[in-house]
Amino acid sequence: MGNYQAHPSAHVENNSKIGDNTRIWHFSHIRENSEIGKNCNLGKGVYIDVNVKIGNNVKIQN
């Protein structure tokens, strides 16, 4: 896993890969085997399903 920030209420499951400088906000859920790129911003309540791949510099809002 990279050097990322996740809010305490966010849930990042095992085997997920999160890129450097990515931020994961309140109540977000990142499922197993997902890949999130560098410098991403996943907003409040975002749900990323199993095996999803997201590139670098992506912003996803609720």
PDB file of N, CA and C in Angstrom:
ATOM      1  N   MET A   1       0.835  -1.188   0.000  1.00  0.00           N
ATOM      2  CA  MET A   1       0.000   0.000   0.000  1.00  0.00           C
ATOM      3  C   MET A   1       0.870   1.238   0.000  1.00  0.00           C
ATOM      4  N   GLY A   2       0.319   2.286  -0.574  1.00  0.00           N
ATOM      5  CA  GLY A   2       1.058   3.539  -0.631  1.00  0.00           C
ATOM      6  C   GLY A   2       0.886   4.381   0.618  1.00  0.00           C
ATOM      7  N   ASN A   3       1.404   5.563   0.556  1.00  0.00           N
ATOM      8  CA  ASN A   3       1.296   6.538   1.637  1.00  0.00           C
ATOM      9  C   ASN A   3       0.041   7.370   1.381  1.00  0.00           C
ATOM     10  N   TYR A   4      -1.093   6.952   1.932  1.00  0.00           N
ATOM     11  CA  TYR A   4      -2.370   7.626   1.695  1.00  0.00           C
ATOM     12  C   TYR A   4      -3.017   7.999   3.020  1.00  0.00           C
ATOM     13  N   GLN A   5      -4.091   8.816   2.935  1.00  0.00           N
ATOM     14  CA  GLN A   5      -4.841   9.214   4.126  1.00  0.00           C
ATOM     15  C   GLN A   5      -6.261   8.673   4.017  1.00  0.00           C
ATOM     16  N   ALA A   6      -6.734   8.027   5.083  1.00  0.00           N
ATOM     17  CA  ALA A   6      -8.111   7.545   5.133  1.00  0.00           C
ATOM     18  C   ALA A   6      -8.746   8.022   6.431  1.00  0.00           C
ATOM     19  N   HIS A   7      -9.952   8.568   6.332  1.00  0.00           N
ATOM     20  CA  HIS A   7     -10.700   8.992   7.507  1.00  0.00           C
ATOM     21  C   HIS A   7     -10.955   7.764   8.389  1.00  0.00           C
ATOM     22  N   PRO A   8     -10.995   7.937   9.708  1.00  0.00           N
ATOM     23  CA  PRO A   8     -11.229   6.792  10.606  1.00  0.00           C
ATOM     24  C   PRO A   8     -12.523   6.022  10.320  1.00  0.00           C
ATOM     25  N   SER A   9     -13.533   6.677   9.743  1.00  0.00           N
ATOM     26  CA  SER A   9     -14.786   5.985   9.445  1.00  0.00           C
ATOM     27  C   SER A   9     -14.757   5.267   8.092  1.00  0.00           C
ATOM     28  N   ALA A  10     -13.722   5.479   7.302  1.00  0.00           N
ATOM     29  CA  ALA A  10     -13.586   4.796   6.008  1.00  0.00           C
ATOM     30  C   ALA A  10     -13.124   3.360   6.241  1.00  0.00           C
ATOM     31  N   HIS A  11     -13.513   2.483   5.336  1.00  0.00           N
ATOM     32  CA  HIS A  11     -13.120   1.073   5.448  1.00  0.00           C
ATOM     33  C   HIS A  11     -12.378   0.660   4.176  1.00  0.00           C
ATOM     34  N   VAL A  12     -11.107   0.324   4.332  1.00  0.00           N
ATOM     35  CA  VAL A  12     -10.285  -0.150   3.219  1.00  0.00           C
ATOM     36  C   VAL A  12      -9.998  -1.626   3.471  1.00  0.00           C
ATOM     37  N   GLU A  13     -10.521  -2.492   2.602  1.00  0.00           N
ATOM     38  CA  GLU A  13     -10.381  -3.932   2.808  1.00  0.00           C
ATOM     39  C   GLU A  13      -8.995  -4.438   2.405  1.00  0.00           C
ATOM     40  N   ASN A  14      -8.678  -5.631   2.888  1.00  0.00           N
ATOM     41  CA  ASN A  14      -7.391  -6.269   2.600  1.00  0.00           C
ATOM     42  C   ASN A  14      -7.168  -6.427   1.102  1.00  0.00           C
ATOM     43  N   ASN A  15      -5.912  -6.461   0.731  1.00  0.00           N
ATOM     44  CA  ASN A  15      -5.480  -6.660  -0.651  1.00  0.00           C
ATOM     45  C   ASN A  15      -5.847  -5.511  -1.575  1.00  0.00           C
ATOM     46  N   SER A  16      -6.250  -4.382  -1.033  1.00  0.00           N
ATOM     47  CA  SER A  16      -6.463  -3.185  -1.842  1.00  0.00           C
ATOM     48  C   SER A  16      -5.141  -2.453  -1.968  1.00  0.00           C
ATOM     49  N   LYS A  17      -4.922  -1.834  -3.113  1.00  0.00           N
ATOM     50  CA  LYS A  17      -3.703  -1.058  -3.334  1.00  0.00           C
ATOM     51  C   LYS A  17      -4.103   0.398  -3.511  1.00  0.00           C
ATOM     52  N   ILE A  18      -3.586   1.252  -2.644  1.00  0.00           N
ATOM     53  CA  ILE A  18      -3.922   2.674  -2.655  1.00  0.00           C
ATOM     54  C   ILE A  18      -2.644   3.453  -2.935  1.00  0.00           C
ATOM     55  N   GLY A  19      -2.683   4.327  -3.938  1.00  0.00           N
ATOM     56  CA  GLY A  19      -1.503   5.089  -4.323  1.00  0.00           C
ATOM     57  C   GLY A  19      -1.166   6.221  -3.367  1.00  0.00           C
ATOM     58  N   ASP A  20       0.057   6.698  -3.491  1.00  0.00           N
ATOM     59  CA  ASP A  20       0.545   7.805  -2.663  1.00  0.00           C
ATOM     60  C   ASP A  20      -0.308   9.060  -2.833  1.00  0.00           C
ATOM     61  N   ASN A  21      -0.452   9.786  -1.745  1.00  0.00           N
ATOM     62  CA  ASN A  21      -1.150  11.074  -1.700  1.00  0.00           C
ATOM     63  C   ASN A  21      -2.636  10.987  -2.037  1.00  0.00           C
ATOM     64  N   THR A  22      -3.212   9.805  -1.946  1.00  0.00           N
ATOM     65  CA  THR A  22      -4.654   9.647  -2.149  1.00  0.00           C
ATOM     66  C   THR A  22      -5.366   9.893  -0.828  1.00  0.00           C
ATOM     67  N   ARG A  23      -6.545  10.522  -0.911  1.00  0.00           N
ATOM     68  CA  ARG A  23      -7.351  10.808   0.279  1.00  0.00           C
ATOM     69  C   ARG A  23      -8.688  10.092   0.170  1.00  0.00           C
ATOM     70  N   ILE A  24      -9.065   9.427   1.254  1.00  0.00           N
ATOM     71  CA  ILE A  24     -10.320   8.682   1.318  1.00  0.00           C
ATOM     72  C   ILE A  24     -11.128   9.266   2.470  1.00  0.00           C
ATOM     73  N   TRP A  25     -12.296   9.806   2.155  1.00  0.00           N
ATOM     74  CA  TRP A  25     -13.073  10.568   3.131  1.00  0.00           C
ATOM     75  C   TRP A  25     -14.090   9.716   3.881  1.00  0.00           C
ATOM     76  N   HIS A  26     -14.908  10.390   4.713  1.00  0.00           N
ATOM     77  CA  HIS A  26     -15.873   9.779   5.641  1.00  0.00           C
ATOM     78  C   HIS A  26     -16.726   8.690   4.989  1.00  0.00           C
ATOM     79  N   PHE A  27     -16.863   7.593   5.698  1.00  0.00           N
ATOM     80  CA  PHE A  27     -17.800   6.512   5.377  1.00  0.00           C
ATOM     81  C   PHE A  27     -17.595   5.895   3.994  1.00  0.00           C
ATOM     82  N   SER A  28     -16.433   6.080   3.393  1.00  0.00           N
ATOM     83  CA  SER A  28     -16.144   5.433   2.112  1.00  0.00           C
ATOM     84  C   SER A  28     -15.778   3.976   2.355  1.00  0.00           C
ATOM     85  N   HIS A  29     -15.985   3.153   1.324  1.00  0.00           N
ATOM     86  CA  HIS A  29     -15.711   1.718   1.439  1.00  0.00           C
ATOM     87  C   HIS A  29     -14.963   1.275   0.186  1.00  0.00           C
ATOM     88  N   ILE A  30     -13.756   0.777   0.388  1.00  0.00           N
ATOM     89  CA  ILE A  30     -12.935   0.274  -0.702  1.00  0.00           C
ATOM     90  C   ILE A  30     -12.862  -1.239  -0.548  1.00  0.00           C
ATOM     91  N   ARG A  31     -13.432  -1.971  -1.509  1.00  0.00           N
ATOM     92  CA  ARG A  31     -13.497  -3.434  -1.421  1.00  0.00           C
ATOM     93  C   ARG A  31     -12.167  -4.080  -1.784  1.00  0.00           C
ATOM     94  N   GLU A  32     -12.065  -5.391  -1.501  1.00  0.00           N
ATOM     95  CA  GLU A  32     -10.811  -6.112  -1.707  1.00  0.00           C
ATOM     96  C   GLU A  32     -10.387  -6.147  -3.179  1.00  0.00           C
ATOM     97  N   ASN A  33      -9.075  -6.211  -3.355  1.00  0.00           N
ATOM     98  CA  ASN A  33      -8.428  -6.311  -4.666  1.00  0.00           C
ATOM     99  C   ASN A  33      -8.663  -5.108  -5.570  1.00  0.00           C
ATOM    100  N   SER A  34      -9.068  -3.993  -5.005  1.00  0.00           N
ATOM    101  CA  SER A  34      -9.216  -2.763  -5.783  1.00  0.00           C
ATOM    102  C   SER A  34      -7.880  -2.048  -5.860  1.00  0.00           C
ATOM    103  N   GLU A  35      -7.696  -1.273  -6.917  1.00  0.00           N
ATOM    104  CA  GLU A  35      -6.481  -0.488  -7.083  1.00  0.00           C
ATOM    105  C   GLU A  35      -6.863   0.964  -7.327  1.00  0.00           C
ATOM    106  N   ILE A  36      -6.382   1.840  -6.465  1.00  0.00           N
ATOM    107  CA  ILE A  36      -6.631   3.274  -6.579  1.00  0.00           C
ATOM    108  C   ILE A  36      -5.285   3.929  -6.866  1.00  0.00           C
ATOM    109  N   GLY A  37      -5.234   4.788  -7.868  1.00  0.00           N
ATOM    110  CA  GLY A  37      -3.973   5.409  -8.262  1.00  0.00           C
ATOM    111  C   GLY A  37      -3.485   6.476  -7.292  1.00  0.00           C
ATOM    112  N   LYS A  38      -2.448   7.173  -7.712  1.00  0.00           N
ATOM    113  CA  LYS A  38      -1.843   8.244  -6.916  1.00  0.00           C
ATOM    114  C   LYS A  38      -2.653   9.529  -7.040  1.00  0.00           C
ATOM    115  N   ASN A  39      -2.601  10.342  -5.990  1.00  0.00           N
ATOM    116  CA  ASN A  39      -3.199  11.683  -5.981  1.00  0.00           C
ATOM    117  C   ASN A  39      -4.699  11.680  -6.262  1.00  0.00           C
ATOM    118  N   CYS A  40      -5.403  10.665  -5.783  1.00  0.00           N
ATOM    119  CA  CYS A  40      -6.856  10.601  -5.963  1.00  0.00           C
ATOM    120  C   CYS A  40      -7.567  11.168  -4.739  1.00  0.00           C
ATOM    121  N   ASN A  41      -8.824  11.534  -4.929  1.00  0.00           N
ATOM    122  CA  ASN A  41      -9.648  12.060  -3.852  1.00  0.00           C
ATOM    123  C   ASN A  41     -10.994  11.344  -3.924  1.00  0.00           C
ATOM    124  N   LEU A  42     -11.263  10.461  -2.960  1.00  0.00           N
ATOM    125  CA  LEU A  42     -12.522   9.726  -2.917  1.00  0.00           C
ATOM    126  C   LEU A  42     -13.394  10.357  -1.845  1.00  0.00           C
ATOM    127  N   GLY A  43     -14.475  10.998  -2.270  1.00  0.00           N
ATOM    128  CA  GLY A  43     -15.313  11.782  -1.377  1.00  0.00           C
ATOM    129  C   GLY A  43     -16.136  10.955  -0.402  1.00  0.00           C
ATOM    130  N   LYS A  44     -16.902  11.665   0.397  1.00  0.00           N
ATOM    131  CA  LYS A  44     -17.737  11.078   1.448  1.00  0.00           C
ATOM    132  C   LYS A  44     -18.685  10.024   0.872  1.00  0.00           C
ATOM    133  N   GLY A  45     -18.674   8.845   1.479  1.00  0.00           N
ATOM    134  CA  GLY A  45     -19.628   7.800   1.135  1.00  0.00           C
ATOM    135  C   GLY A  45     -19.364   7.070  -0.171  1.00  0.00           C
ATOM    136  N   VAL A  46     -18.212   7.242  -0.768  1.00  0.00           N
ATOM    137  CA  VAL A  46     -17.909   6.576  -2.037  1.00  0.00           C
ATOM    138  C   VAL A  46     -17.734   5.077  -1.801  1.00  0.00           C
ATOM    139  N   TYR A  47     -18.275   4.280  -2.713  1.00  0.00           N
ATOM    140  CA  TYR A  47     -18.156   2.819  -2.650  1.00  0.00           C
ATOM    141  C   TYR A  47     -17.414   2.343  -3.890  1.00  0.00           C
ATOM    142  N   ILE A  48     -16.287   1.664  -3.678  1.00  0.00           N
ATOM    143  CA  ILE A  48     -15.508   1.088  -4.773  1.00  0.00           C
ATOM    144  C   ILE A  48     -15.614  -0.428  -4.645  1.00  0.00           C
ATOM    145  N   ASP A  49     -16.158  -1.077  -5.664  1.00  0.00           N
ATOM    146  CA  ASP A  49     -16.435  -2.512  -5.599  1.00  0.00           C
ATOM    147  C   ASP A  49     -15.173  -3.356  -5.804  1.00  0.00           C
ATOM    148  N   VAL A  50     -15.324  -4.653  -5.690  1.00  0.00           N
ATOM    149  CA  VAL A  50     -14.234  -5.620  -5.817  1.00  0.00           C
ATOM    150  C   VAL A  50     -13.586  -5.522  -7.203  1.00  0.00           C
ATOM    151  N   ASN A  51     -12.252  -5.567  -7.235  1.00  0.00           N
ATOM    152  CA  ASN A  51     -11.461  -5.626  -8.466  1.00  0.00           C
ATOM    153  C   ASN A  51     -11.547  -4.385  -9.355  1.00  0.00           C
ATOM    154  N   VAL A  52     -11.994  -3.267  -8.823  1.00  0.00           N
ATOM    155  CA  VAL A  52     -12.058  -2.026  -9.603  1.00  0.00           C
ATOM    156  C   VAL A  52     -10.672  -1.402  -9.659  1.00  0.00           C
ATOM    157  N   LYS A  53     -10.321  -0.850 -10.820  1.00  0.00           N
ATOM    158  CA  LYS A  53      -9.039  -0.161 -10.989  1.00  0.00           C
ATOM    159  C   LYS A  53      -9.315   1.285 -11.375  1.00  0.00           C
ATOM    160  N   ILE A  54      -8.723   2.204 -10.619  1.00  0.00           N
ATOM    161  CA  ILE A  54      -8.890   3.638 -10.847  1.00  0.00           C
ATOM    162  C   ILE A  54      -7.505   4.225 -11.067  1.00  0.00           C
ATOM    163  N   GLY A  55      -7.367   5.047 -12.098  1.00  0.00           N
ATOM    164  CA  GLY A  55      -6.068   5.630 -12.445  1.00  0.00           C
ATOM    165  C   GLY A  55      -5.633   6.731 -11.494  1.00  0.00           C
ATOM    166  N   ASN A  56      -4.599   7.441 -11.885  1.00  0.00           N
ATOM    167  CA  ASN A  56      -4.041   8.537 -11.096  1.00  0.00           C
ATOM    168  C   ASN A  56      -4.844   9.823 -11.282  1.00  0.00           C
ATOM    169  N   ASN A  57      -4.810  10.686 -10.267  1.00  0.00           N
ATOM    170  CA  ASN A  57      -5.390  12.032 -10.325  1.00  0.00           C
ATOM    171  C   ASN A  57      -6.896  12.033 -10.583  1.00  0.00           C
ATOM    172  N   VAL A  58      -7.607  11.068 -10.019  1.00  0.00           N
ATOM    173  CA  VAL A  58      -9.050  10.945 -10.203  1.00  0.00           C
ATOM    174  C   VAL A  58      -9.766  11.451  -8.956  1.00  0.00           C
ATOM    175  N   LYS A  59     -10.871  12.184  -9.178  1.00  0.00           N
ATOM    176  CA  LYS A  59     -11.714  12.649  -8.078  1.00  0.00           C
ATOM    177  C   LYS A  59     -13.086  12.006  -8.249  1.00  0.00           C
ATOM    178  N   ILE A  60     -13.563  11.314  -7.198  1.00  0.00           N
ATOM    179  CA  ILE A  60     -14.886  10.698  -7.217  1.00  0.00           C
ATOM    180  C   ILE A  60     -15.656  11.243  -6.029  1.00  0.00           C
ATOM    181  N   GLN A  61     -16.826  11.820  -6.316  1.00  0.00           N
ATOM    182  CA  GLN A  61     -17.661  12.370  -5.251  1.00  0.00           C
ATOM    183  C   GLN A  61     -18.898  11.513  -5.085  1.00  0.00           C
ATOM    184  N   ASN A  62     -19.566  11.690  -3.928  1.00  0.00           N
ATOM    185  CA  ASN A  62     -20.777  10.925  -3.673  1.00  0.00           C
ATOM    186  C   ASN A  62     -21.910  11.433  -4.515  1.00  0.00           C
TER     187      ASN A  62
END
